[in-house]
Amino acid sequence: MPESTQALLRGALDMLILKVVALGPSHGYAIAQRLQQISKEFFQVHQGSLSPALHRVEDKRWLQAEWKESETGRQAKFYSLSKKGRRHMNAEVIHWQCLSDAVGLILRAGEES
């Protein structure tokens, strides 16, 4: 996979994580499950991709983390959106919507009769 494609997908995953966490504080497994559920099974993010992404967005201070007891009684790191993360997420959502609209225009080119 070309490096530019990897960077694009990494940026998308960061934004999708922020969007899911904006719905409410969640631990890693719950974030992965929510992404899969909301996307109707399209996004299936494995731990090997999710953990580095969570560390990346936490290092950028887009997420705050706190250890708490999960619904299973085990300790888990719960993530919540920071103010900086909310600003970044809102900007990224606009960017991705514009990108999606532009790609859609190109994909539909020539279909209008």
PDB file of N, CA and C in Angstrom:
ATOM      1  N   MET A   1       0.849  -1.172   0.000  1.00  0.00           N
ATOM      2  CA  MET A   1       0.000   0.000   0.000  1.00  0.00           C
ATOM      3  C   MET A   1       0.900   1.243   0.000  1.00  0.00           C
ATOM      4  N   PRO A   2       0.656   2.196  -0.912  1.00  0.00           N
ATOM      5  CA  PRO A   2       1.478   3.402  -0.948  1.00  0.00           C
ATOM      6  C   PRO A   2       1.411   4.179   0.367  1.00  0.00           C
ATOM      7  N   GLU A   3       2.508   4.884   0.673  1.00  0.00           N
ATOM      8  CA  GLU A   3       2.582   5.639   1.927  1.00  0.00           C
ATOM      9  C   GLU A   3       1.475   6.689   2.020  1.00  0.00           C
ATOM     10  N   SER A   4       1.133   7.330   0.909  1.00  0.00           N
ATOM     11  CA  SER A   4       0.083   8.356   0.929  1.00  0.00           C
ATOM     12  C   SER A   4      -1.273   7.743   1.283  1.00  0.00           C
ATOM     13  N   THR A   5      -1.520   6.521   0.816  1.00  0.00           N
ATOM     14  CA  THR A   5      -2.770   5.833   1.148  1.00  0.00           C
ATOM     15  C   THR A   5      -2.801   5.481   2.628  1.00  0.00           C
ATOM     16  N   GLN A   6      -1.657   5.003   3.145  1.00  0.00           N
ATOM     17  CA  GLN A   6      -1.578   4.686   4.580  1.00  0.00           C
ATOM     18  C   GLN A   6      -1.833   5.924   5.425  1.00  0.00           C
ATOM     19  N   ALA A   7      -1.261   7.066   5.032  1.00  0.00           N
ATOM     20  CA  ALA A   7      -1.459   8.313   5.777  1.00  0.00           C
ATOM     21  C   ALA A   7      -2.925   8.737   5.727  1.00  0.00           C
ATOM     22  N   LEU A   8      -3.557   8.562   4.573  1.00  0.00           N
ATOM     23  CA  LEU A   8      -4.968   8.905   4.427  1.00  0.00           C
ATOM     24  C   LEU A   8      -5.827   8.049   5.343  1.00  0.00           C
ATOM     25  N   LEU A   9      -5.580   6.738   5.351  1.00  0.00           N
ATOM     26  CA  LEU A   9      -6.357   5.831   6.207  1.00  0.00           C
ATOM     27  C   LEU A   9      -6.094   6.090   7.686  1.00  0.00           C
ATOM     28  N   ARG A  10      -4.843   6.405   8.034  1.00  0.00           N
ATOM     29  CA  ARG A  10      -4.505   6.703   9.424  1.00  0.00           C
ATOM     30  C   ARG A  10      -5.257   7.960   9.870  1.00  0.00           C
ATOM     31  N   GLY A  11      -5.302   8.977   9.012  1.00  0.00           N
ATOM     32  CA  GLY A  11      -6.037  10.199   9.321  1.00  0.00           C
ATOM     33  C   GLY A  11      -7.527   9.937   9.471  1.00  0.00           C
ATOM     34  N   ALA A  12      -8.043   9.054   8.644  1.00  0.00           N
ATOM     35  CA  ALA A  12      -9.461   8.712   8.738  1.00  0.00           C
ATOM     36  C   ALA A  12      -9.749   7.988  10.047  1.00  0.00           C
ATOM     37  N   LEU A  13      -8.886   7.057  10.422  1.00  0.00           N
ATOM     38  CA  LEU A  13      -9.100   6.313  11.664  1.00  0.00           C
ATOM     39  C   LEU A  13      -9.050   7.248  12.866  1.00  0.00           C
ATOM     40  N   ASP A  14      -8.107   8.184  12.859  1.00  0.00           N
ATOM     41  CA  ASP A  14      -8.030   9.143  13.967  1.00  0.00           C
ATOM     42  C   ASP A  14      -9.339   9.911  14.097  1.00  0.00           C
ATOM     43  N   MET A  15      -9.848  10.413  12.980  1.00  0.00           N
ATOM     44  CA  MET A  15     -11.096  11.186  13.003  1.00  0.00           C
ATOM     45  C   MET A  15     -12.277  10.316  13.425  1.00  0.00           C
ATOM     46  N   LEU A  16     -12.335   9.077  12.947  1.00  0.00           N
ATOM     47  CA  LEU A  16     -13.436   8.189  13.310  1.00  0.00           C
ATOM     48  C   LEU A  16     -13.403   7.861  14.806  1.00  0.00           C
ATOM     49  N   ILE A  17     -12.216   7.662  15.342  1.00  0.00           N
ATOM     50  CA  ILE A  17     -12.086   7.431  16.789  1.00  0.00           C
ATOM     51  C   ILE A  17     -12.588   8.637  17.557  1.00  0.00           C
ATOM     52  N   LEU A  18     -12.169   9.826  17.152  1.00  0.00           N
ATOM     53  CA  LEU A  18     -12.616  11.040  17.837  1.00  0.00           C
ATOM     54  C   LEU A  18     -14.134  11.169  17.774  1.00  0.00           C
ATOM     55  N   LYS A  19     -14.695  10.863  16.622  1.00  0.00           N
ATOM     56  CA  LYS A  19     -16.155  10.973  16.445  1.00  0.00           C
ATOM     57  C   LYS A  19     -16.889   9.994  17.361  1.00  0.00           C
ATOM     58  N   VAL A  20     -16.389   8.769  17.485  1.00  0.00           N
ATOM     59  CA  VAL A  20     -17.023   7.777  18.359  1.00  0.00           C
ATOM     60  C   VAL A  20     -16.888   8.191  19.819  1.00  0.00           C
ATOM     61  N   VAL A  21     -15.708   8.650  20.205  1.00  0.00           N
ATOM     62  CA  VAL A  21     -15.493   9.057  21.603  1.00  0.00           C
ATOM     63  C   VAL A  21     -16.322  10.290  21.934  1.00  0.00           C
ATOM     64  N   ALA A  22     -16.619  11.127  20.934  1.00  0.00           N
ATOM     65  CA  ALA A  22     -17.473  12.298  21.161  1.00  0.00           C
ATOM     66  C   ALA A  22     -18.876  11.882  21.620  1.00  0.00           C
ATOM     67  N   LEU A  23     -19.278  10.652  21.294  1.00  0.00           N
ATOM     68  CA  LEU A  23     -20.591  10.146  21.716  1.00  0.00           C
ATOM     69  C   LEU A  23     -20.624   9.821  23.211  1.00  0.00           C
ATOM     70  N   GLY A  24     -19.446   9.656  23.801  1.00  0.00           N
ATOM     71  CA  GLY A  24     -19.341   9.344  25.221  1.00  0.00           C
ATOM     72  C   GLY A  24     -18.056   8.610  25.508  1.00  0.00           C
ATOM     73  N   PRO A  25     -17.526   8.744  26.721  1.00  0.00           N
ATOM     74  CA  PRO A  25     -16.270   8.075  27.078  1.00  0.00           C
ATOM     75  C   PRO A  25     -16.352   6.566  26.816  1.00  0.00           C
ATOM     76  N   SER A  26     -15.268   6.022  26.250  1.00  0.00           N
ATOM     77  CA  SER A  26     -15.244   4.608  25.890  1.00  0.00           C
ATOM     78  C   SER A  26     -13.844   4.049  26.050  1.00  0.00           C
ATOM     79  N   HIS A  27     -13.775   2.735  26.260  1.00  0.00           N
ATOM     80  CA  HIS A  27     -12.480   2.056  26.260  1.00  0.00           C
ATOM     81  C   HIS A  27     -12.247   1.498  24.863  1.00  0.00           C
ATOM     82  N   GLY A  28     -11.023   1.034  24.606  1.00  0.00           N
ATOM     83  CA  GLY A  28     -10.623   0.619  23.269  1.00  0.00           C
ATOM     84  C   GLY A  28     -11.545  -0.394  22.616  1.00  0.00           C
ATOM     85  N   TYR A  29     -11.872  -1.467  23.332  1.00  0.00           N
ATOM     86  CA  TYR A  29     -12.724  -2.499  22.745  1.00  0.00           C
ATOM     87  C   TYR A  29     -14.092  -1.924  22.365  1.00  0.00           C
ATOM     88  N   ALA A  30     -14.642  -1.077  23.226  1.00  0.00           N
ATOM     89  CA  ALA A  30     -15.957  -0.471  22.945  1.00  0.00           C
ATOM     90  C   ALA A  30     -15.883   0.460  21.739  1.00  0.00           C
ATOM     91  N   ILE A  31     -14.761   1.152  21.575  1.00  0.00           N
ATOM     92  CA  ILE A  31     -14.588   2.029  20.418  1.00  0.00           C
ATOM     93  C   ILE A  31     -14.592   1.192  19.140  1.00  0.00           C
ATOM     94  N   ALA A  32     -13.843   0.099  19.136  1.00  0.00           N
ATOM     95  CA  ALA A  32     -13.801  -0.781  17.963  1.00  0.00           C
ATOM     96  C   ALA A  32     -15.192  -1.342  17.647  1.00  0.00           C
ATOM     97  N   GLN A  33     -15.902  -1.767  18.679  1.00  0.00           N
ATOM     98  CA  GLN A  33     -17.252  -2.321  18.486  1.00  0.00           C
ATOM     99  C   GLN A  33     -18.201  -1.259  17.938  1.00  0.00           C
ATOM    100  N   ARG A  34     -18.102  -0.044  18.452  1.00  0.00           N
ATOM    101  CA  ARG A  34     -18.993   1.038  18.010  1.00  0.00           C
ATOM    102  C   ARG A  34     -18.705   1.408  16.562  1.00  0.00           C
ATOM    103  N   LEU A  35     -17.425   1.467  16.184  1.00  0.00           N
ATOM    104  CA  LEU A  35     -17.078   1.744  14.788  1.00  0.00           C
ATOM    105  C   LEU A  35     -17.676   0.692  13.864  1.00  0.00           C
ATOM    106  N   GLN A  36     -17.568  -0.552  14.252  1.00  0.00           N
ATOM    107  CA  GLN A  36     -18.102  -1.649  13.449  1.00  0.00           C
ATOM    108  C   GLN A  36     -19.625  -1.559  13.374  1.00  0.00           C
ATOM    109  N   GLN A  37     -20.255  -1.299  14.504  1.00  0.00           N
ATOM    110  CA  GLN A  37     -21.723  -1.223  14.551  1.00  0.00           C
ATOM    111  C   GLN A  37     -22.252  -0.061  13.718  1.00  0.00           C
ATOM    112  N   ILE A  38     -21.705   1.128  13.920  1.00  0.00           N
ATOM    113  CA  ILE A  38     -22.204   2.316  13.219  1.00  0.00           C
ATOM    114  C   ILE A  38     -21.973   2.199  11.716  1.00  0.00           C
ATOM    115  N   SER A  39     -20.834   1.600  11.325  1.00  0.00           N
ATOM    116  CA  SER A  39     -20.514   1.477   9.899  1.00  0.00           C
ATOM    117  C   SER A  39     -21.189   0.268   9.247  1.00  0.00           C
ATOM    118  N   LYS A  40     -22.067  -0.377   9.977  1.00  0.00           N
ATOM    119  CA  LYS A  40     -22.757  -1.570   9.487  1.00  0.00           C
ATOM    120  C   LYS A  40     -21.750  -2.620   9.026  1.00  0.00           C
ATOM    121  N   GLU A  41     -20.782  -2.870   9.912  1.00  0.00           N
ATOM    122  CA  GLU A  41     -19.761  -3.904   9.743  1.00  0.00           C
ATOM    123  C   GLU A  41     -18.659  -3.557   8.731  1.00  0.00           C
ATOM    124  N   PHE A  42     -18.684  -2.346   8.141  1.00  0.00           N
ATOM    125  CA  PHE A  42     -17.660  -2.000   7.152  1.00  0.00           C
ATOM    126  C   PHE A  42     -16.292  -1.844   7.811  1.00  0.00           C
ATOM    127  N   PHE A  43     -16.238  -1.098   8.914  1.00  0.00           N
ATOM    128  CA  PHE A  43     -14.977  -0.883   9.616  1.00  0.00           C
ATOM    129  C   PHE A  43     -14.821  -1.930  10.711  1.00  0.00           C
ATOM    130  N   GLN A  44     -13.820  -2.763  10.552  1.00  0.00           N
ATOM    131  CA  GLN A  44     -13.481  -3.759  11.561  1.00  0.00           C
ATOM    132  C   GLN A  44     -12.037  -3.481  11.960  1.00  0.00           C
ATOM    133  N   VAL A  45     -11.889  -2.681  13.013  1.00  0.00           N
ATOM    134  CA  VAL A  45     -10.576  -2.218  13.436  1.00  0.00           C
ATOM    135  C   VAL A  45     -10.022  -3.192  14.467  1.00  0.00           C
ATOM    136  N   HIS A  46      -8.880  -3.760  14.153  1.00  0.00           N
ATOM    137  CA  HIS A  46      -8.241  -4.722  15.040  1.00  0.00           C
ATOM    138  C   HIS A  46      -7.332  -4.012  16.025  1.00  0.00           C
ATOM    139  N   GLN A  47      -7.052  -4.689  17.120  1.00  0.00           N
ATOM    140  CA  GLN A  47      -6.237  -4.128  18.190  1.00  0.00           C
ATOM    141  C   GLN A  47      -4.895  -3.606  17.684  1.00  0.00           C
ATOM    142  N   GLY A  48      -4.314  -4.291  16.707  1.00  0.00           N
ATOM    143  CA  GLY A  48      -3.030  -3.885  16.155  1.00  0.00           C
ATOM    144  C   GLY A  48      -3.060  -2.537  15.453  1.00  0.00           C
ATOM    145  N   SER A  49      -4.221  -2.110  14.999  1.00  0.00           N
ATOM    146  CA  SER A  49      -4.392  -0.783  14.397  1.00  0.00           C
ATOM    147  C   SER A  49      -4.960   0.204  15.401  1.00  0.00           C
ATOM    148  N   LEU A  50      -5.849  -0.277  16.257  1.00  0.00           N
ATOM    149  CA  LEU A  50      -6.532   0.617  17.193  1.00  0.00           C
ATOM    150  C   LEU A  50      -5.598   1.149  18.277  1.00  0.00           C
ATOM    151  N   SER A  51      -4.798   0.288  18.881  1.00  0.00           N
ATOM    152  CA  SER A  51      -3.911   0.727  19.968  1.00  0.00           C
ATOM    153  C   SER A  51      -2.959   1.832  19.539  1.00  0.00           C
ATOM    154  N   PRO A  52      -2.244   1.666  18.415  1.00  0.00           N
ATOM    155  CA  PRO A  52      -1.368   2.767  18.001  1.00  0.00           C
ATOM    156  C   PRO A  52      -2.139   4.058  17.712  1.00  0.00           C
ATOM    157  N   ALA A  53      -3.333   3.922  17.134  1.00  0.00           N
ATOM    158  CA  ALA A  53      -4.141   5.110  16.839  1.00  0.00           C
ATOM    159  C   ALA A  53      -4.568   5.799  18.131  1.00  0.00           C
ATOM    160  N   LEU A  54      -4.985   5.035  19.127  1.00  0.00           N
ATOM    161  CA  LEU A  54      -5.375   5.635  20.407  1.00  0.00           C
ATOM    162  C   LEU A  54      -4.185   6.336  21.064  1.00  0.00           C
ATOM    163  N   HIS A  55      -3.024   5.709  21.017  1.00  0.00           N
ATOM    164  CA  HIS A  55      -1.822   6.344  21.578  1.00  0.00           C
ATOM    165  C   HIS A  55      -1.483   7.620  20.814  1.00  0.00           C
ATOM    166  N   ARG A  56      -1.622   7.575  19.496  1.00  0.00           N
ATOM    167  CA  ARG A  56      -1.312   8.733  18.653  1.00  0.00           C
ATOM    168  C   ARG A  56      -2.219   9.918  18.989  1.00  0.00           C
ATOM    169  N   VAL A  57      -3.516   9.679  19.071  1.00  0.00           N
ATOM    170  CA  VAL A  57      -4.431  10.799  19.342  1.00  0.00           C
ATOM    171  C   VAL A  57      -4.337  11.264  20.801  1.00  0.00           C
ATOM    172  N   GLU A  58      -4.003  10.351  21.700  1.00  0.00           N
ATOM    173  CA  GLU A  58      -3.785  10.747  23.093  1.00  0.00           C
ATOM    174  C   GLU A  58      -2.514  11.599  23.196  1.00  0.00           C
ATOM    175  N   ASP A  59      -1.448  11.223  22.489  1.00  0.00           N
ATOM    176  CA  ASP A  59      -0.204  11.999  22.498  1.00  0.00           C
ATOM    177  C   ASP A  59      -0.409  13.402  21.938  1.00  0.00           C
ATOM    178  N   LYS A  60      -1.343  13.531  21.005  1.00  0.00           N
ATOM    179  CA  LYS A  60      -1.649  14.847  20.419  1.00  0.00           C
ATOM    180  C   LYS A  60      -2.601  15.656  21.305  1.00  0.00           C
ATOM    181  N   ARG A  61      -3.006  15.039  22.419  1.00  0.00           N
ATOM    182  CA  ARG A  61      -3.911  15.654  23.400  1.00  0.00           C
ATOM    183  C   ARG A  61      -5.308  15.912  22.837  1.00  0.00           C
ATOM    184  N   TRP A  62      -5.700  15.066  21.872  1.00  0.00           N
ATOM    185  CA  TRP A  62      -7.061  15.128  21.357  1.00  0.00           C
ATOM    186  C   TRP A  62      -7.994  14.299  22.232  1.00  0.00           C
ATOM    187  N   LEU A  63      -7.413  13.342  22.955  1.00  0.00           N
ATOM    188  CA  LEU A  63      -8.163  12.508  23.894  1.00  0.00           C
ATOM    189  C   LEU A  63      -7.521  12.603  25.267  1.00  0.00           C
ATOM    190  N   GLN A  64      -8.344  12.453  26.276  1.00  0.00           N
ATOM    191  CA  GLN A  64      -7.877  12.329  27.653  1.00  0.00           C
ATOM    192  C   GLN A  64      -8.206  10.901  28.070  1.00  0.00           C
ATOM    193  N   ALA A  65      -7.379  10.333  28.929  1.00  0.00           N
ATOM    194  CA  ALA A  65      -7.600   8.949  29.329  1.00  0.00           C
ATOM    195  C   ALA A  65      -7.619   8.828  30.843  1.00  0.00           C
ATOM    196  N   GLU A  66      -8.418   7.868  31.304  1.00  0.00           N
ATOM    197  CA  GLU A  66      -8.558   7.610  32.737  1.00  0.00           C
ATOM    198  C   GLU A  66      -8.826   6.118  32.917  1.00  0.00           C
ATOM    199  N   TRP A  67      -8.111   5.511  33.860  1.00  0.00           N
ATOM    200  CA  TRP A  67      -8.341   4.094  34.157  1.00  0.00           C
ATOM    201  C   TRP A  67      -9.568   3.962  35.045  1.00  0.00           C
ATOM    202  N   LYS A  68     -10.509   3.125  34.600  1.00  0.00           N
ATOM    203  CA  LYS A  68     -11.737   2.864  35.364  1.00  0.00           C
ATOM    204  C   LYS A  68     -12.123   1.405  35.188  1.00  0.00           C
ATOM    205  N   GLU A  69     -13.086   0.991  35.969  1.00  0.00           N
ATOM    206  CA  GLU A  69     -13.596  -0.367  35.845  1.00  0.00           C
ATOM    207  C   GLU A  69     -14.583  -0.430  34.685  1.00  0.00           C
ATOM    208  N   SER A  70     -14.402  -1.443  33.832  1.00  0.00           N
ATOM    209  CA  SER A  70     -15.299  -1.616  32.686  1.00  0.00           C
ATOM    210  C   SER A  70     -16.543  -2.384  33.118  1.00  0.00           C
ATOM    211  N   GLU A  71     -17.444  -2.580  32.175  1.00  0.00           N
ATOM    212  CA  GLU A  71     -18.692  -3.307  32.446  1.00  0.00           C
ATOM    213  C   GLU A  71     -18.439  -4.762  32.816  1.00  0.00           C
ATOM    214  N   THR A  72     -17.250  -5.269  32.484  1.00  0.00           N
ATOM    215  CA  THR A  72     -16.911  -6.652  32.834  1.00  0.00           C
ATOM    216  C   THR A  72     -16.200  -6.747  34.183  1.00  0.00           C
ATOM    217  N   GLY A  73     -15.980  -5.595  34.831  1.00  0.00           N
ATOM    218  CA  GLY A  73     -15.316  -5.581  36.127  1.00  0.00           C
ATOM    219  C   GLY A  73     -13.803  -5.479  36.051  1.00  0.00           C
ATOM    220  N   ARG A  74     -13.260  -5.426  34.856  1.00  0.00           N
ATOM    221  CA  ARG A  74     -11.813  -5.301  34.673  1.00  0.00           C
ATOM    222  C   ARG A  74     -11.443  -3.827  34.511  1.00  0.00           C
ATOM    223  N   GLN A  75     -10.208  -3.506  34.867  1.00  0.00           N
ATOM    224  CA  GLN A  75      -9.710  -2.152  34.672  1.00  0.00           C
ATOM    225  C   GLN A  75      -9.470  -1.904  33.181  1.00  0.00           C
ATOM    226  N   ALA A  76      -9.902  -0.755  32.695  1.00  0.00           N
ATOM    227  CA  ALA A  76      -9.726  -0.397  31.291  1.00  0.00           C
ATOM    228  C   ALA A  76      -9.456   1.097  31.203  1.00  0.00           C
ATOM    229  N   LYS A  77      -8.760   1.469  30.166  1.00  0.00           N
ATOM    230  CA  LYS A  77      -8.452   2.874  29.924  1.00  0.00           C
ATOM    231  C   LYS A  77      -9.623   3.470  29.141  1.00  0.00           C
ATOM    232  N   PHE A  78     -10.316   4.417  29.764  1.00  0.00           N
ATOM    233  CA  PHE A  78     -11.454   5.079  29.132  1.00  0.00           C
ATOM    234  C   PHE A  78     -10.994   6.401  28.536  1.00  0.00           C
ATOM    235  N   TYR A  79     -11.382   6.628  27.309  1.00  0.00           N
ATOM    236  CA  TYR A  79     -10.989   7.828  26.589  1.00  0.00           C
ATOM    237  C   TYR A  79     -12.170   8.788  26.489  1.00  0.00           C
ATOM    238  N   SER A  80     -11.868  10.070  26.634  1.00  0.00           N
ATOM    239  CA  SER A  80     -12.877  11.107  26.413  1.00  0.00           C
ATOM    240  C   SER A  80     -12.250  12.201  25.562  1.00  0.00           C
ATOM    241  N   LEU A  81     -13.079  12.933  24.873  1.00  0.00           N
ATOM    242  CA  LEU A  81     -12.626  13.954  23.942  1.00  0.00           C
ATOM    243  C   LEU A  81     -12.210  15.211  24.708  1.00  0.00           C
ATOM    244  N   SER A  82     -11.057  15.757  24.384  1.00  0.00           N
ATOM    245  CA  SER A  82     -10.609  17.012  24.983  1.00  0.00           C
ATOM    246  C   SER A  82     -11.160  18.180  24.151  1.00  0.00           C
ATOM    247  N   LYS A  83     -11.026  19.385  24.663  1.00  0.00           N
ATOM    248  CA  LYS A  83     -11.461  20.560  23.887  1.00  0.00           C
ATOM    249  C   LYS A  83     -10.666  20.668  22.591  1.00  0.00           C
ATOM    250  N   LYS A  84      -9.360  20.424  22.694  1.00  0.00           N
ATOM    251  CA  LYS A  84      -8.495  20.445  21.514  1.00  0.00           C
ATOM    252  C   LYS A  84      -8.933  19.360  20.525  1.00  0.00           C
ATOM    253  N   GLY A  85      -9.300  18.205  21.036  1.00  0.00           N
ATOM    254  CA  GLY A  85      -9.772  17.111  20.196  1.00  0.00           C
ATOM    255  C   GLY A  85     -11.081  17.432  19.504  1.00  0.00           C
ATOM    256  N   ARG A  86     -11.977  18.110  20.217  1.00  0.00           N
ATOM    257  CA  ARG A  86     -13.267  18.486  19.612  1.00  0.00           C
ATOM    258  C   ARG A  86     -13.042  19.467  18.461  1.00  0.00           C
ATOM    259  N   ARG A  87     -12.156  20.441  18.671  1.00  0.00           N
ATOM    260  CA  ARG A  87     -11.857  21.403  17.593  1.00  0.00           C
ATOM    261  C   ARG A  87     -11.262  20.679  16.382  1.00  0.00           C
ATOM    262  N   HIS A  88     -10.316  19.792  16.641  1.00  0.00           N
ATOM    263  CA  HIS A  88      -9.688  19.049  15.550  1.00  0.00           C
ATOM    264  C   HIS A  88     -10.718  18.162  14.834  1.00  0.00           C
ATOM    265  N   MET A  89     -11.539  17.474  15.608  1.00  0.00           N
ATOM    266  CA  MET A  89     -12.546  16.597  15.020  1.00  0.00           C
ATOM    267  C   MET A  89     -13.493  17.392  14.122  1.00  0.00           C
ATOM    268  N   ASN A  90     -13.963  18.528  14.594  1.00  0.00           N
ATOM    269  CA  ASN A  90     -14.897  19.340  13.798  1.00  0.00           C
ATOM    270  C   ASN A  90     -14.258  19.777  12.481  1.00  0.00           C
ATOM    271  N   ALA A  91     -12.988  20.186  12.533  1.00  0.00           N
ATOM    272  CA  ALA A  91     -12.285  20.586  11.308  1.00  0.00           C
ATOM    273  C   ALA A  91     -12.111  19.390  10.368  1.00  0.00           C
ATOM    274  N   GLU A  92     -11.764  18.225  10.930  1.00  0.00           N
ATOM    275  CA  GLU A  92     -11.573  17.027  10.112  1.00  0.00           C
ATOM    276  C   GLU A  92     -12.884  16.546   9.488  1.00  0.00           C
ATOM    277  N   VAL A  93     -13.972  16.650  10.214  1.00  0.00           N
ATOM    278  CA  VAL A  93     -15.276  16.251   9.664  1.00  0.00           C
ATOM    279  C   VAL A  93     -15.590  17.092   8.431  1.00  0.00           C
ATOM    280  N   ILE A  94     -15.368  18.397   8.531  1.00  0.00           N
ATOM    281  CA  ILE A  94     -15.613  19.284   7.382  1.00  0.00           C
ATOM    282  C   ILE A  94     -14.715  18.885   6.217  1.00  0.00           C
ATOM    283  N   HIS A  95     -13.434  18.638   6.509  1.00  0.00           N
ATOM    284  CA  HIS A  95     -12.489  18.237   5.471  1.00  0.00           C
ATOM    285  C   HIS A  95     -12.941  16.944   4.788  1.00  0.00           C
ATOM    286  N   TRP A  96     -13.310  15.932   5.582  1.00  0.00           N
ATOM    287  CA  TRP A  96     -13.714  14.647   5.015  1.00  0.00           C
ATOM    288  C   TRP A  96     -15.022  14.753   4.242  1.00  0.00           C
ATOM    289  N   GLN A  97     -15.934  15.625   4.681  1.00  0.00           N
ATOM    290  CA  GLN A  97     -17.177  15.809   3.940  1.00  0.00           C
ATOM    291  C   GLN A  97     -16.899  16.439   2.577  1.00  0.00           C
ATOM    292  N   CYS A  98     -15.992  17.426   2.544  1.00  0.00           N
ATOM    293  CA  CYS A  98     -15.618  18.050   1.270  1.00  0.00           C
ATOM    294  C   CYS A  98     -14.928  17.040   0.352  1.00  0.00           C
ATOM    295  N   LEU A  99     -14.024  16.253   0.907  1.00  0.00           N
ATOM    296  CA  LEU A  99     -13.326  15.228   0.143  1.00  0.00           C
ATOM    297  C   LEU A  99     -14.318  14.205  -0.424  1.00  0.00           C
ATOM    298  N   SER A 100     -15.230  13.761   0.413  1.00  0.00           N
ATOM    299  CA  SER A 100     -16.229  12.785  -0.012  1.00  0.00           C
ATOM    300  C   SER A 100     -17.122  13.349  -1.122  1.00  0.00           C
ATOM    301  N   ASP A 101     -17.541  14.602  -0.976  1.00  0.00           N
ATOM    302  CA  ASP A 101     -18.358  15.244  -2.004  1.00  0.00           C
ATOM    303  C   ASP A 101     -17.610  15.328  -3.328  1.00  0.00           C
ATOM    304  N   ALA A 102     -16.318  15.708  -3.272  1.00  0.00           N
ATOM    305  CA  ALA A 102     -15.516  15.837  -4.492  1.00  0.00           C
ATOM    306  C   ALA A 102     -15.322  14.483  -5.169  1.00  0.00           C
ATOM    307  N   VAL A 103     -15.030  13.450  -4.381  1.00  0.00           N
ATOM    308  CA  VAL A 103     -14.881  12.109  -4.954  1.00  0.00           C
ATOM    309  C   VAL A 103     -16.200  11.655  -5.567  1.00  0.00           C
ATOM    310  N   GLY A 104     -17.300  11.923  -4.889  1.00  0.00           N
ATOM    311  CA  GLY A 104     -18.610  11.560  -5.417  1.00  0.00           C
ATOM    312  C   GLY A 104     -18.909  12.227  -6.752  1.00  0.00           C
ATOM    313  N   LEU A 105     -18.533  13.499  -6.887  1.00  0.00           N
ATOM    314  CA  LEU A 105     -18.735  14.198  -8.155  1.00  0.00           C
ATOM    315  C   LEU A 105     -17.956  13.519  -9.287  1.00  0.00           C
ATOM    316  N   ILE A 106     -16.720  13.142  -8.975  1.00  0.00           N
ATOM    317  CA  ILE A 106     -15.894  12.496  -9.998  1.00  0.00           C
ATOM    318  C   ILE A 106     -16.458  11.116 -10.353  1.00  0.00           C
ATOM    319  N   LEU A 107     -16.880  10.368  -9.354  1.00  0.00           N
ATOM    320  CA  LEU A 107     -17.418   9.018  -9.617  1.00  0.00           C
ATOM    321  C   LEU A 107     -18.706   9.085 -10.437  1.00  0.00           C
ATOM    322  N   ARG A 108     -19.469  10.154 -10.279  1.00  0.00           N
ATOM    323  CA  ARG A 108     -20.735  10.289 -11.010  1.00  0.00           C
ATOM    324  C   ARG A 108     -20.568  11.020 -12.359  1.00  0.00           C
ATOM    325  N   ALA A 109     -19.359  11.451 -12.678  1.00  0.00           N
ATOM    326  CA  ALA A 109     -19.121  12.181 -13.925  1.00  0.00           C
ATOM    327  C   ALA A 109     -19.549  11.327 -15.110  1.00  0.00           C
ATOM    328  N   GLY A 110     -20.286  11.946 -16.006  1.00  0.00           N
ATOM    329  CA  GLY A 110     -20.732  11.256 -17.208  1.00  0.00           C
ATOM    330  C   GLY A 110     -22.003  10.444 -17.023  1.00  0.00           C
ATOM    331  N   GLU A 111     -22.504  10.334 -15.806  1.00  0.00           N
ATOM    332  CA  GLU A 111     -23.723   9.551 -15.577  1.00  0.00           C
ATOM    333  C   GLU A 111     -24.990  10.361 -15.821  1.00  0.00           C
ATOM    334  N   GLU A 112     -24.857  11.695 -15.764  1.00  0.00           N
ATOM    335  CA  GLU A 112     -26.037  12.533 -15.999  1.00  0.00           C
ATOM    336  C   GLU A 112     -26.364  12.541 -17.480  1.00  0.00           C
ATOM    337  N   SER A 113     -27.624  12.270 -17.792  1.00  0.00           N
ATOM    338  CA  SER A 113     -28.006  12.263 -19.218  1.00  0.00           C
ATOM    339  C   SER A 113     -29.020  13.331 -19.478  1.00  0.00           C
TER     340      SER A 113
END
